[in-house]
Amino acid sequence: MNTIMTIKPYFHDGAWVFDDPNNGLIKEPFIAGADQFMDDMTTNIKNAKDGFVLIFSSVPFPGNQFMFYRKNPEAGGVWYESKIFEHSGWLCPAMFKYFDSSPEIIYAQVKEL
């Protein structure tokens, strides 16, 4: 399993989604507050809804911009909160395609495509 992972979220049919065919995920949606995280993180990314690069890890890395703190599990996924954005978001069970267990902190960086 990689330490640093990358996906390319984009906006489709009114929702933030991403594709990762290697993990069997096509148009996997961000919901329940995680969609708001996408809006929050991309305020400075031109044309973010056409797609952007999201780099994430369970360990700090040079250039990480955001930290999401584990709160509690629910419905097979896990709730995370952001102290910067002052809200929580639920990451669905697809997160376990990237992590063996839910990290205490998820570090993230966003970039233009």
PDB file of N, CA and C in Angstrom:
ATOM      1  N   MET A   1       0.851  -1.182   0.000  1.00  0.00           N
ATOM      2  CA  MET A   1       0.000   0.000   0.000  1.00  0.00           C
ATOM      3  C   MET A   1       0.892   1.238   0.000  1.00  0.00           C
ATOM      4  N   ASN A   2       0.564   2.204  -0.847  1.00  0.00           N
ATOM      5  CA  ASN A   2       1.330   3.444  -0.918  1.00  0.00           C
ATOM      6  C   ASN A   2       1.154   4.273   0.347  1.00  0.00           C
ATOM      7  N   THR A   3       2.139   5.112   0.623  1.00  0.00           N
ATOM      8  CA  THR A   3       2.041   6.041   1.749  1.00  0.00           C
ATOM      9  C   THR A   3       1.330   7.316   1.332  1.00  0.00           C
ATOM     10  N   ILE A   4       1.631   7.781   0.111  1.00  0.00           N
ATOM     11  CA  ILE A   4       0.990   8.978  -0.431  1.00  0.00           C
ATOM     12  C   ILE A   4       0.181   8.561  -1.655  1.00  0.00           C
ATOM     13  N   MET A   5      -1.088   8.955  -1.664  1.00  0.00           N
ATOM     14  CA  MET A   5      -1.994   8.565  -2.743  1.00  0.00           C
ATOM     15  C   MET A   5      -2.535   9.799  -3.455  1.00  0.00           C
ATOM     16  N   THR A   6      -2.991   9.593  -4.671  1.00  0.00           N
ATOM     17  CA  THR A   6      -3.524  10.679  -5.484  1.00  0.00           C
ATOM     18  C   THR A   6      -4.796  10.221  -6.187  1.00  0.00           C
ATOM     19  N   ILE A   7      -5.800  11.082  -6.136  1.00  0.00           N
ATOM     20  CA  ILE A   7      -7.009  10.893  -6.938  1.00  0.00           C
ATOM     21  C   ILE A   7      -7.299  12.226  -7.635  1.00  0.00           C
ATOM     22  N   LYS A   8      -8.213  12.193  -8.596  1.00  0.00           N
ATOM     23  CA  LYS A   8      -8.566  13.396  -9.345  1.00  0.00           C
ATOM     24  C   LYS A   8     -10.084  13.599  -9.299  1.00  0.00           C
ATOM     25  N   PRO A   9     -10.566  14.215  -8.217  1.00  0.00           N
ATOM     26  CA  PRO A   9     -12.007  14.480  -8.122  1.00  0.00           C
ATOM     27  C   PRO A   9     -12.473  15.476  -9.184  1.00  0.00           C
ATOM     28  N   TYR A  10     -13.754  15.356  -9.535  1.00  0.00           N
ATOM     29  CA  TYR A  10     -14.387  16.264 -10.480  1.00  0.00           C
ATOM     30  C   TYR A  10     -15.873  16.298 -10.161  1.00  0.00           C
ATOM     31  N   PHE A  11     -16.571  17.263 -10.733  1.00  0.00           N
ATOM     32  CA  PHE A  11     -17.988  17.447 -10.464  1.00  0.00           C
ATOM     33  C   PHE A  11     -18.790  16.787 -11.576  1.00  0.00           C
ATOM     34  N   HIS A  12     -19.736  15.923 -11.196  1.00  0.00           N
ATOM     35  CA  HIS A  12     -20.543  15.186 -12.181  1.00  0.00           C
ATOM     36  C   HIS A  12     -21.975  15.050 -11.664  1.00  0.00           C
ATOM     37  N   ASP A  13     -22.929  15.468 -12.467  1.00  0.00           N
ATOM     38  CA  ASP A  13     -24.354  15.357 -12.107  1.00  0.00           C
ATOM     39  C   ASP A  13     -24.646  15.892 -10.706  1.00  0.00           C
ATOM     40  N   GLY A  14     -24.054  17.043 -10.381  1.00  0.00           N
ATOM     41  CA  GLY A  14     -24.347  17.706  -9.112  1.00  0.00           C
ATOM     42  C   GLY A  14     -23.597  17.168  -7.909  1.00  0.00           C
ATOM     43  N   ALA A  15     -22.578  16.341  -8.133  1.00  0.00           N
ATOM     44  CA  ALA A  15     -21.839  15.765  -7.001  1.00  0.00           C
ATOM     45  C   ALA A  15     -20.340  15.704  -7.312  1.00  0.00           C
ATOM     46  N   TRP A  16     -19.540  15.841  -6.270  1.00  0.00           N
ATOM     47  CA  TRP A  16     -18.106  15.579  -6.384  1.00  0.00           C
ATOM     48  C   TRP A  16     -17.900  14.077  -6.424  1.00  0.00           C
ATOM     49  N   VAL A  17     -17.150  13.598  -7.414  1.00  0.00           N
ATOM     50  CA  VAL A  17     -16.885  12.165  -7.584  1.00  0.00           C
ATOM     51  C   VAL A  17     -15.425  11.978  -7.986  1.00  0.00           C
ATOM     52  N   PHE A  18     -14.985  10.726  -7.986  1.00  0.00           N
ATOM     53  CA  PHE A  18     -13.667  10.406  -8.529  1.00  0.00           C
ATOM     54  C   PHE A  18     -13.695   9.000  -9.097  1.00  0.00           C
ATOM     55  N   ASP A  19     -12.747   8.746  -9.989  1.00  0.00           N
ATOM     56  CA  ASP A  19     -12.593   7.422 -10.601  1.00  0.00           C
ATOM     57  C   ASP A  19     -11.258   6.840 -10.167  1.00  0.00           C
ATOM     58  N   ASP A  20     -11.259   5.579  -9.865  1.00  0.00           N
ATOM     59  CA  ASP A  20     -10.021   4.842  -9.605  1.00  0.00           C
ATOM     60  C   ASP A  20     -10.252   3.407 -10.068  1.00  0.00           C
ATOM     61  N   PRO A  21     -10.129   3.190 -11.377  1.00  0.00           N
ATOM     62  CA  PRO A  21     -10.396   1.853 -11.916  1.00  0.00           C
ATOM     63  C   PRO A  21      -9.548   0.764 -11.281  1.00  0.00           C
ATOM     64  N   ASN A  22      -8.335   1.095 -10.832  1.00  0.00           N
ATOM     65  CA  ASN A  22      -7.478   0.088 -10.187  1.00  0.00           C
ATOM     66  C   ASN A  22      -8.089  -0.446  -8.902  1.00  0.00           C
ATOM     67  N   ASN A  23      -8.957   0.355  -8.286  1.00  0.00           N
ATOM     68  CA  ASN A  23      -9.628  -0.075  -7.061  1.00  0.00           C
ATOM     69  C   ASN A  23     -11.116  -0.346  -7.277  1.00  0.00           C
ATOM     70  N   GLY A  24     -11.537  -0.406  -8.535  1.00  0.00           N
ATOM     71  CA  GLY A  24     -12.931  -0.713  -8.830  1.00  0.00           C
ATOM     72  C   GLY A  24     -13.897   0.419  -8.526  1.00  0.00           C
ATOM     73  N   LEU A  25     -13.423   1.645  -8.540  1.00  0.00           N
ATOM     74  CA  LEU A  25     -14.267   2.794  -8.200  1.00  0.00           C
ATOM     75  C   LEU A  25     -14.454   3.695  -9.425  1.00  0.00           C
ATOM     76  N   ILE A  26     -15.691   3.886  -9.827  1.00  0.00           N
ATOM     77  CA  ILE A  26     -16.033   4.766 -10.933  1.00  0.00           C
ATOM     78  C   ILE A  26     -17.145   5.701 -10.457  1.00  0.00           C
ATOM     79  N   LYS A  27     -16.900   6.985 -10.601  1.00  0.00           N
ATOM     80  CA  LYS A  27     -17.844   8.019 -10.144  1.00  0.00           C
ATOM     81  C   LYS A  27     -18.228   7.801  -8.674  1.00  0.00           C
ATOM     82  N   GLU A  28     -17.238   7.463  -7.872  1.00  0.00           N
ATOM     83  CA  GLU A  28     -17.446   7.289  -6.424  1.00  0.00           C
ATOM     84  C   GLU A  28     -17.722   8.665  -5.816  1.00  0.00           C
ATOM     85  N   PRO A  29     -18.891   8.871  -5.195  1.00  0.00           N
ATOM     86  CA  PRO A  29     -19.232  10.213  -4.711  1.00  0.00           C
ATOM     87  C   PRO A  29     -18.684  10.538  -3.320  1.00  0.00           C
ATOM     88  N   PHE A  30     -18.458  11.817  -3.135  1.00  0.00           N
ATOM     89  CA  PHE A  30     -18.207  12.372  -1.801  1.00  0.00           C
ATOM     90  C   PHE A  30     -19.547  12.906  -1.316  1.00  0.00           C
ATOM     91  N   ILE A  31     -19.972  12.475  -0.126  1.00  0.00           N
ATOM     92  CA  ILE A  31     -21.279  12.885   0.403  1.00  0.00           C
ATOM     93  C   ILE A  31     -21.130  13.244   1.877  1.00  0.00           C
ATOM     94  N   ALA A  32     -22.235  13.646   2.487  1.00  0.00           N
ATOM     95  CA  ALA A  32     -22.343  13.834   3.938  1.00  0.00           C
ATOM     96  C   ALA A  32     -21.228  14.711   4.510  1.00  0.00           C
ATOM     97  N   GLY A  33     -21.024  15.868   3.904  1.00  0.00           N
ATOM     98  CA  GLY A  33     -20.018  16.795   4.403  1.00  0.00           C
ATOM     99  C   GLY A  33     -18.673  16.674   3.719  1.00  0.00           C
ATOM    100  N   ALA A  34     -18.330  15.495   3.222  1.00  0.00           N
ATOM    101  CA  ALA A  34     -17.076  15.339   2.479  1.00  0.00           C
ATOM    102  C   ALA A  34     -17.157  16.129   1.170  1.00  0.00           C
ATOM    103  N   ASP A  35     -18.370  16.265   0.620  1.00  0.00           N
ATOM    104  CA  ASP A  35     -18.546  17.099  -0.572  1.00  0.00           C
ATOM    105  C   ASP A  35     -18.242  18.560  -0.257  1.00  0.00           C
ATOM    106  N   GLN A  36     -18.608  18.991   0.934  1.00  0.00           N
ATOM    107  CA  GLN A  36     -18.294  20.371   1.348  1.00  0.00           C
ATOM    108  C   GLN A  36     -16.779  20.550   1.523  1.00  0.00           C
ATOM    109  N   PHE A  37     -16.084  19.490   1.985  1.00  0.00           N
ATOM    110  CA  PHE A  37     -14.616  19.561   2.053  1.00  0.00           C
ATOM    111  C   PHE A  37     -14.037  19.840   0.667  1.00  0.00           C
ATOM    112  N   MET A  38     -14.594  19.208  -0.368  1.00  0.00           N
ATOM    113  CA  MET A  38     -14.103  19.431  -1.735  1.00  0.00           C
ATOM    114  C   MET A  38     -14.289  20.898  -2.124  1.00  0.00           C
ATOM    115  N   ASP A  39     -15.467  21.459  -1.834  1.00  0.00           N
ATOM    116  CA  ASP A  39     -15.707  22.879  -2.106  1.00  0.00           C
ATOM    117  C   ASP A  39     -14.711  23.753  -1.341  1.00  0.00           C
ATOM    118  N   ASP A  40     -14.535  23.448  -0.060  1.00  0.00           N
ATOM    119  CA  ASP A  40     -13.658  24.253   0.795  1.00  0.00           C
ATOM    120  C   ASP A  40     -12.211  24.222   0.316  1.00  0.00           C
ATOM    121  N   MET A  41     -11.718  23.044  -0.032  1.00  0.00           N
ATOM    122  CA  MET A  41     -10.309  22.899  -0.402  1.00  0.00           C
ATOM    123  C   MET A  41      -9.986  23.514  -1.765  1.00  0.00           C
ATOM    124  N   THR A  42     -10.996  23.686  -2.604  1.00  0.00           N
ATOM    125  CA  THR A  42     -10.724  24.114  -3.972  1.00  0.00           C
ATOM    126  C   THR A  42     -11.084  25.570  -4.251  1.00  0.00           C
ATOM    127  N   THR A  43     -11.285  26.361  -3.230  1.00  0.00           N
ATOM    128  CA  THR A  43     -11.681  27.761  -3.465  1.00  0.00           C
ATOM    129  C   THR A  43     -10.657  28.515  -4.308  1.00  0.00           C
ATOM    130  N   ASN A  44      -9.395  28.133  -4.258  1.00  0.00           N
ATOM    131  CA  ASN A  44      -8.353  28.824  -5.027  1.00  0.00           C
ATOM    132  C   ASN A  44      -7.903  28.049  -6.266  1.00  0.00           C
ATOM    133  N   ILE A  45      -8.655  27.018  -6.640  1.00  0.00           N
ATOM    134  CA  ILE A  45      -8.299  26.219  -7.817  1.00  0.00           C
ATOM    135  C   ILE A  45      -9.211  26.627  -8.968  1.00  0.00           C
ATOM    136  N   LYS A  46      -8.596  27.129 -10.031  1.00  0.00           N
ATOM    137  CA  LYS A  46      -9.356  27.553 -11.197  1.00  0.00           C
ATOM    138  C   LYS A  46     -10.014  26.332 -11.852  1.00  0.00           C
ATOM    139  N   ASN A  47     -11.304  26.459 -12.148  1.00  0.00           N
ATOM    140  CA  ASN A  47     -12.073  25.400 -12.812  1.00  0.00           C
ATOM    141  C   ASN A  47     -11.997  24.061 -12.070  1.00  0.00           C
ATOM    142  N   ALA A  48     -12.007  24.111 -10.757  1.00  0.00           N
ATOM    143  CA  ALA A  48     -11.880  22.889  -9.948  1.00  0.00           C
ATOM    144  C   ALA A  48     -12.944  21.856 -10.303  1.00  0.00           C
ATOM    145  N   LYS A  49     -14.132  22.299 -10.647  1.00  0.00           N
ATOM    146  CA  LYS A  49     -15.201  21.334 -10.935  1.00  0.00           C
ATOM    147  C   LYS A  49     -14.911  20.508 -12.188  1.00  0.00           C
ATOM    148  N   ASP A  50     -13.996  20.970 -13.021  1.00  0.00           N
ATOM    149  CA  ASP A  50     -13.571  20.178 -14.180  1.00  0.00           C
ATOM    150  C   ASP A  50     -12.550  19.117 -13.766  1.00  0.00           C
ATOM    151  N   GLY A  51     -12.070  19.208 -12.536  1.00  0.00           N
ATOM    152  CA  GLY A  51     -11.121  18.242 -12.007  1.00  0.00           C
ATOM    153  C   GLY A  51      -9.925  18.924 -11.370  1.00  0.00           C
ATOM    154  N   PHE A  52      -9.398  18.276 -10.350  1.00  0.00           N
ATOM    155  CA  PHE A  52      -8.200  18.748  -9.670  1.00  0.00           C
ATOM    156  C   PHE A  52      -7.485  17.533  -9.095  1.00  0.00           C
ATOM    157  N   VAL A  53      -6.270  17.742  -8.647  1.00  0.00           N
ATOM    158  CA  VAL A  53      -5.488  16.660  -8.054  1.00  0.00           C
ATOM    159  C   VAL A  53      -5.606  16.759  -6.540  1.00  0.00           C
ATOM    160  N   LEU A  54      -5.962  15.654  -5.899  1.00  0.00           N
ATOM    161  CA  LEU A  54      -6.020  15.558  -4.447  1.00  0.00           C
ATOM    162  C   LEU A  54      -4.979  14.541  -4.004  1.00  0.00           C
ATOM    163  N   ILE A  55      -3.982  15.020  -3.282  1.00  0.00           N
ATOM    164  CA  ILE A  55      -2.924  14.170  -2.733  1.00  0.00           C
ATOM    165  C   ILE A  55      -3.244  13.985  -1.261  1.00  0.00           C
ATOM    166  N   PHE A  56      -3.176  12.744  -0.764  1.00  0.00           N
ATOM    167  CA  PHE A  56      -3.526  12.510   0.638  1.00  0.00           C
ATOM    168  C   PHE A  56      -2.687  11.380   1.218  1.00  0.00           C
ATOM    169  N   SER A  57      -2.570  11.410   2.546  1.00  0.00           N
ATOM    170  CA  SER A  57      -1.736  10.439   3.248  1.00  0.00           C
ATOM    171  C   SER A  57      -2.113  10.397   4.721  1.00  0.00           C
ATOM    172  N   SER A  58      -1.727   9.315   5.372  1.00  0.00           N
ATOM    173  CA  SER A  58      -1.907   9.218   6.822  1.00  0.00           C
ATOM    174  C   SER A  58      -0.687   9.754   7.565  1.00  0.00           C
ATOM    175  N   VAL A  59       0.319  10.187   6.825  1.00  0.00           N
ATOM    176  CA  VAL A  59       1.526  10.780   7.418  1.00  0.00           C
ATOM    177  C   VAL A  59       1.738  12.167   6.819  1.00  0.00           C
ATOM    178  N   PRO A  60       2.292  13.097   7.599  1.00  0.00           N
ATOM    179  CA  PRO A  60       2.567  14.431   7.047  1.00  0.00           C
ATOM    180  C   PRO A  60       3.532  14.331   5.867  1.00  0.00           C
ATOM    181  N   PHE A  61       3.379  15.230   4.907  1.00  0.00           N
ATOM    182  CA  PHE A  61       4.287  15.271   3.764  1.00  0.00           C
ATOM    183  C   PHE A  61       4.516  16.729   3.382  1.00  0.00           C
ATOM    184  N   PRO A  62       5.640  17.031   2.744  1.00  0.00           N
ATOM    185  CA  PRO A  62       5.928  18.413   2.363  1.00  0.00           C
ATOM    186  C   PRO A  62       4.820  18.986   1.478  1.00  0.00           C
ATOM    187  N   GLY A  63       4.316  20.129   1.849  1.00  0.00           N
ATOM    188  CA  GLY A  63       3.276  20.785   1.069  1.00  0.00           C
ATOM    189  C   GLY A  63       1.857  20.443   1.461  1.00  0.00           C
ATOM    190  N   ASN A  64       1.666  19.557   2.454  1.00  0.00           N
ATOM    191  CA  ASN A  64       0.271  19.281   2.825  1.00  0.00           C
ATOM    192  C   ASN A  64      -0.366  20.573   3.354  1.00  0.00           C
ATOM    193  N   GLN A  65      -1.605  20.786   2.946  1.00  0.00           N
ATOM    194  CA  GLN A  65      -2.311  22.024   3.262  1.00  0.00           C
ATOM    195  C   GLN A  65      -3.425  21.841   4.290  1.00  0.00           C
ATOM    196  N   PHE A  66      -3.956  20.645   4.374  1.00  0.00           N
ATOM    197  CA  PHE A  66      -5.146  20.408   5.195  1.00  0.00           C
ATOM    198  C   PHE A  66      -4.959  19.164   6.050  1.00  0.00           C
ATOM    199  N   MET A  67      -5.607  19.181   7.214  1.00  0.00           N
ATOM    200  CA  MET A  67      -5.601  18.016   8.096  1.00  0.00           C
ATOM    201  C   MET A  67      -7.049  17.726   8.507  1.00  0.00           C
ATOM    202  N   PHE A  68      -7.399  16.452   8.437  1.00  0.00           N
ATOM    203  CA  PHE A  68      -8.734  16.005   8.809  1.00  0.00           C
ATOM    204  C   PHE A  68      -8.589  14.990   9.938  1.00  0.00           C
ATOM    205  N   TYR A  69      -9.287  15.228  11.042  1.00  0.00           N
ATOM    206  CA  TYR A  69      -9.121  14.450  12.263  1.00  0.00           C
ATOM    207  C   TYR A  69     -10.267  13.455  12.430  1.00  0.00           C
ATOM    208  N   ARG A  70      -9.912  12.205  12.708  1.00  0.00           N
ATOM    209  CA  ARG A  70     -10.904  11.143  12.884  1.00  0.00           C
ATOM    210  C   ARG A  70     -11.792  11.452  14.089  1.00  0.00           C
ATOM    211  N   LYS A  71     -13.089  11.259  13.894  1.00  0.00           N
ATOM    212  CA  LYS A  71     -14.050  11.433  14.978  1.00  0.00           C
ATOM    213  C   LYS A  71     -14.624  10.087  15.394  1.00  0.00           C
ATOM    214  N   ASN A  72     -15.453   9.493  14.546  1.00  0.00           N
ATOM    215  CA  ASN A  72     -16.096   8.236  14.910  1.00  0.00           C
ATOM    216  C   ASN A  72     -16.566   7.483  13.665  1.00  0.00           C
ATOM    217  N   PRO A  73     -16.619   6.151  13.782  1.00  0.00           N
ATOM    218  CA  PRO A  73     -17.119   5.351  12.665  1.00  0.00           C
ATOM    219  C   PRO A  73     -18.644   5.399  12.601  1.00  0.00           C
ATOM    220  N   GLU A  74     -19.147   5.224  11.385  1.00  0.00           N
ATOM    221  CA  GLU A  74     -20.587   5.103  11.202  1.00  0.00           C
ATOM    222  C   GLU A  74     -20.850   4.480   9.838  1.00  0.00           C
ATOM    223  N   ALA A  75     -21.746   3.522   9.795  1.00  0.00           N
ATOM    224  CA  ALA A  75     -22.222   2.913   8.551  1.00  0.00           C
ATOM    225  C   ALA A  75     -21.082   2.421   7.666  1.00  0.00           C
ATOM    226  N   GLY A  76     -20.063   1.850   8.270  1.00  0.00           N
ATOM    227  CA  GLY A  76     -18.951   1.284   7.524  1.00  0.00           C
ATOM    228  C   GLY A  76     -17.882   2.284   7.125  1.00  0.00           C
ATOM    229  N   GLY A  77     -18.160   3.560   7.293  1.00  0.00           N
ATOM    230  CA  GLY A  77     -17.201   4.624   7.002  1.00  0.00           C
ATOM    231  C   GLY A  77     -16.778   5.311   8.289  1.00  0.00           C
ATOM    232  N   VAL A  78     -16.154   6.473   8.143  1.00  0.00           N
ATOM    233  CA  VAL A  78     -15.643   7.187   9.316  1.00  0.00           C
ATOM    234  C   VAL A  78     -15.866   8.686   9.133  1.00  0.00           C
ATOM    235  N   TRP A  79     -16.307   9.332  10.200  1.00  0.00           N
ATOM    236  CA  TRP A  79     -16.449  10.785  10.213  1.00  0.00           C
ATOM    237  C   TRP A  79     -15.104  11.423  10.529  1.00  0.00           C
ATOM    238  N   TYR A  80     -14.781  12.478   9.787  1.00  0.00           N
ATOM    239  CA  TYR A  80     -13.592  13.288  10.013  1.00  0.00           C
ATOM    240  C   TYR A  80     -14.013  14.740  10.166  1.00  0.00           C
ATOM    241  N   GLU A  81     -13.222  15.492  10.925  1.00  0.00           N
ATOM    242  CA  GLU A  81     -13.512  16.909  11.087  1.00  0.00           C
ATOM    243  C   GLU A  81     -12.304  17.737  10.670  1.00  0.00           C
ATOM    244  N   SER A  82     -12.598  18.938  10.253  1.00  0.00           N
ATOM    245  CA  SER A  82     -11.560  19.903   9.909  1.00  0.00           C
ATOM    246  C   SER A  82     -11.667  21.062  10.876  1.00  0.00           C
ATOM    247  N   LYS A  83     -10.575  21.428  11.486  1.00  0.00           N
ATOM    248  CA  LYS A  83     -10.584  22.574  12.394  1.00  0.00           C
ATOM    249  C   LYS A  83     -10.581  23.877  11.605  1.00  0.00           C
ATOM    250  N   ILE A  84     -10.046  23.846  10.392  1.00  0.00           N
ATOM    251  CA  ILE A  84     -10.032  25.045   9.547  1.00  0.00           C
ATOM    252  C   ILE A  84     -11.429  25.338   9.012  1.00  0.00           C
ATOM    253  N   PHE A  85     -12.091  24.322   8.510  1.00  0.00           N
ATOM    254  CA  PHE A  85     -13.396  24.518   7.876  1.00  0.00           C
ATOM    255  C   PHE A  85     -14.552  24.422   8.860  1.00  0.00           C
ATOM    256  N   GLU A  86     -14.276  23.981  10.068  1.00  0.00           N
ATOM    257  CA  GLU A  86     -15.256  23.941  11.159  1.00  0.00           C
ATOM    258  C   GLU A  86     -16.502  23.126  10.838  1.00  0.00           C
ATOM    259  N   HIS A  87     -16.289  21.992  10.172  1.00  0.00           N
ATOM    260  CA  HIS A  87     -17.395  21.047   9.991  1.00  0.00           C
ATOM    261  C   HIS A  87     -16.811  19.652   9.809  1.00  0.00           C
ATOM    262  N   SER A  88     -17.697  18.683   9.787  1.00  0.00           N
ATOM    263  CA  SER A  88     -17.290  17.288   9.646  1.00  0.00           C
ATOM    264  C   SER A  88     -17.747  16.742   8.302  1.00  0.00           C
ATOM    265  N   GLY A  89     -17.114  15.655   7.906  1.00  0.00           N
ATOM    266  CA  GLY A  89     -17.503  14.967   6.683  1.00  0.00           C
ATOM    267  C   GLY A  89     -17.299  13.470   6.855  1.00  0.00           C
ATOM    268  N   TRP A  90     -18.135  12.715   6.210  1.00  0.00           N
ATOM    269  CA  TRP A  90     -18.090  11.258   6.312  1.00  0.00           C
ATOM    270  C   TRP A  90     -17.351  10.686   5.111  1.00  0.00           C
ATOM    271  N   LEU A  91     -16.358   9.861   5.371  1.00  0.00           N
ATOM    272  CA  LEU A  91     -15.668   9.135   4.308  1.00  0.00           C
ATOM    273  C   LEU A  91     -16.213   7.717   4.296  1.00  0.00           C
ATOM    274  N   CYS A  92     -16.740   7.321   3.165  1.00  0.00           N
ATOM    275  CA  CYS A  92     -17.417   6.036   3.030  1.00  0.00           C
ATOM    276  C   CYS A  92     -16.427   4.877   3.081  1.00  0.00           C
ATOM    277  N   PRO A  93     -16.904   3.642   3.081  1.00  0.00           N
ATOM    278  CA  PRO A  93     -16.021   2.481   3.163  1.00  0.00           C
ATOM    279  C   PRO A  93     -14.980   2.397   2.045  1.00  0.00           C
ATOM    280  N   ALA A  94     -15.145   3.165   0.963  1.00  0.00           N
ATOM    281  CA  ALA A  94     -14.132   3.176  -0.096  1.00  0.00           C
ATOM    282  C   ALA A  94     -12.783   3.650   0.433  1.00  0.00           C
ATOM    283  N   MET A  95     -12.775   4.373   1.555  1.00  0.00           N
ATOM    284  CA  MET A  95     -11.496   4.834   2.126  1.00  0.00           C
ATOM    285  C   MET A  95     -10.577   3.660   2.465  1.00  0.00           C
ATOM    286  N   PHE A  96     -11.180   2.494   2.704  1.00  0.00           N
ATOM    287  CA  PHE A  96     -10.370   1.328   3.066  1.00  0.00           C
ATOM    288  C   PHE A  96      -9.706   0.676   1.846  1.00  0.00           C
ATOM    289  N   LYS A  97      -9.964   1.219   0.672  1.00  0.00           N
ATOM    290  CA  LYS A  97      -9.185   0.835  -0.508  1.00  0.00           C
ATOM    291  C   LYS A  97      -7.799   1.492  -0.449  1.00  0.00           C
ATOM    292  N   TYR A  98      -7.678   2.537   0.392  1.00  0.00           N
ATOM    293  CA  TYR A  98      -6.448   3.318   0.482  1.00  0.00           C
ATOM    294  C   TYR A  98      -5.743   3.179   1.829  1.00  0.00           C
ATOM    295  N   PHE A  99      -6.498   2.856   2.867  1.00  0.00           N
ATOM    296  CA  PHE A  99      -5.948   2.710   4.214  1.00  0.00           C
ATOM    297  C   PHE A  99      -6.390   1.374   4.805  1.00  0.00           C
ATOM    298  N   ASP A 100      -5.483   0.694   5.498  1.00  0.00           N
ATOM    299  CA  ASP A 100      -5.836  -0.565   6.173  1.00  0.00           C
ATOM    300  C   ASP A 100      -6.817  -0.317   7.314  1.00  0.00           C
ATOM    301  N   SER A 101      -6.654   0.804   7.992  1.00  0.00           N
ATOM    302  CA  SER A 101      -7.563   1.213   9.055  1.00  0.00           C
ATOM    303  C   SER A 101      -7.702   2.727   8.971  1.00  0.00           C
ATOM    304  N   SER A 102      -8.690   3.273   9.641  1.00  0.00           N
ATOM    305  CA  SER A 102      -8.912   4.713   9.524  1.00  0.00           C
ATOM    306  C   SER A 102      -7.802   5.477  10.252  1.00  0.00           C
ATOM    307  N   PRO A 103      -7.079   6.324   9.533  1.00  0.00           N
ATOM    308  CA  PRO A 103      -5.999   7.079  10.172  1.00  0.00           C
ATOM    309  C   PRO A 103      -6.539   8.080  11.186  1.00  0.00           C
ATOM    310  N   GLU A 104      -5.743   8.358  12.187  1.00  0.00           N
ATOM    311  CA  GLU A 104      -6.115   9.380  13.171  1.00  0.00           C
ATOM    312  C   GLU A 104      -6.221  10.739  12.481  1.00  0.00           C
ATOM    313  N   ILE A 105      -5.283  11.014  11.573  1.00  0.00           N
ATOM    314  CA  ILE A 105      -5.278  12.262  10.810  1.00  0.00           C
ATOM    315  C   ILE A 105      -5.045  11.922   9.337  1.00  0.00           C
ATOM    316  N   ILE A 106      -5.796  12.564   8.462  1.00  0.00           N
ATOM    317  CA  ILE A 106      -5.532  12.477   7.031  1.00  0.00           C
ATOM    318  C   ILE A 106      -4.989  13.832   6.595  1.00  0.00           C
ATOM    319  N   TYR A 107      -3.825  13.809   5.983  1.00  0.00           N
ATOM    320  CA  TYR A 107      -3.161  15.009   5.485  1.00  0.00           C
ATOM    321  C   TYR A 107      -3.472  15.121   4.000  1.00  0.00           C
ATOM    322  N   ALA A 108      -3.724  16.340   3.520  1.00  0.00           N
ATOM    323  CA  ALA A 108      -4.126  16.503   2.128  1.00  0.00           C
ATOM    324  C   ALA A 108      -3.541  17.769   1.508  1.00  0.00           C
ATOM    325  N   GLN A 109      -3.428  17.703   0.198  1.00  0.00           N
ATOM    326  CA  GLN A 109      -2.982  18.833  -0.609  1.00  0.00           C
ATOM    327  C   GLN A 109      -3.807  18.809  -1.891  1.00  0.00           C
ATOM    328  N   VAL A 110      -4.150  19.985  -2.409  1.00  0.00           N
ATOM    329  CA  VAL A 110      -4.860  20.070  -3.676  1.00  0.00           C
ATOM    330  C   VAL A 110      -4.029  20.875  -4.665  1.00  0.00           C
ATOM    331  N   LYS A 111      -4.148  20.488  -5.938  1.00  0.00           N
ATOM    332  CA  LYS A 111      -3.426  21.167  -7.022  1.00  0.00           C
ATOM    333  C   LYS A 111      -4.308  21.201  -8.254  1.00  0.00           C
ATOM    334  N   GLU A 112      -4.042  22.177  -9.113  1.00  0.00           N
ATOM    335  CA  GLU A 112      -4.710  22.201 -10.419  1.00  0.00           C
ATOM    336  C   GLU A 112      -4.231  21.026 -11.244  1.00  0.00           C
ATOM    337  N   LEU A 113      -5.074  20.557 -12.143  1.00  0.00           N
ATOM    338  CA  LEU A 113      -4.680  19.498 -13.077  1.00  0.00           C
ATOM    339  C   LEU A 113      -3.583  19.998 -13.989  1.00  0.00           C
TER     340      LEU A 113
END
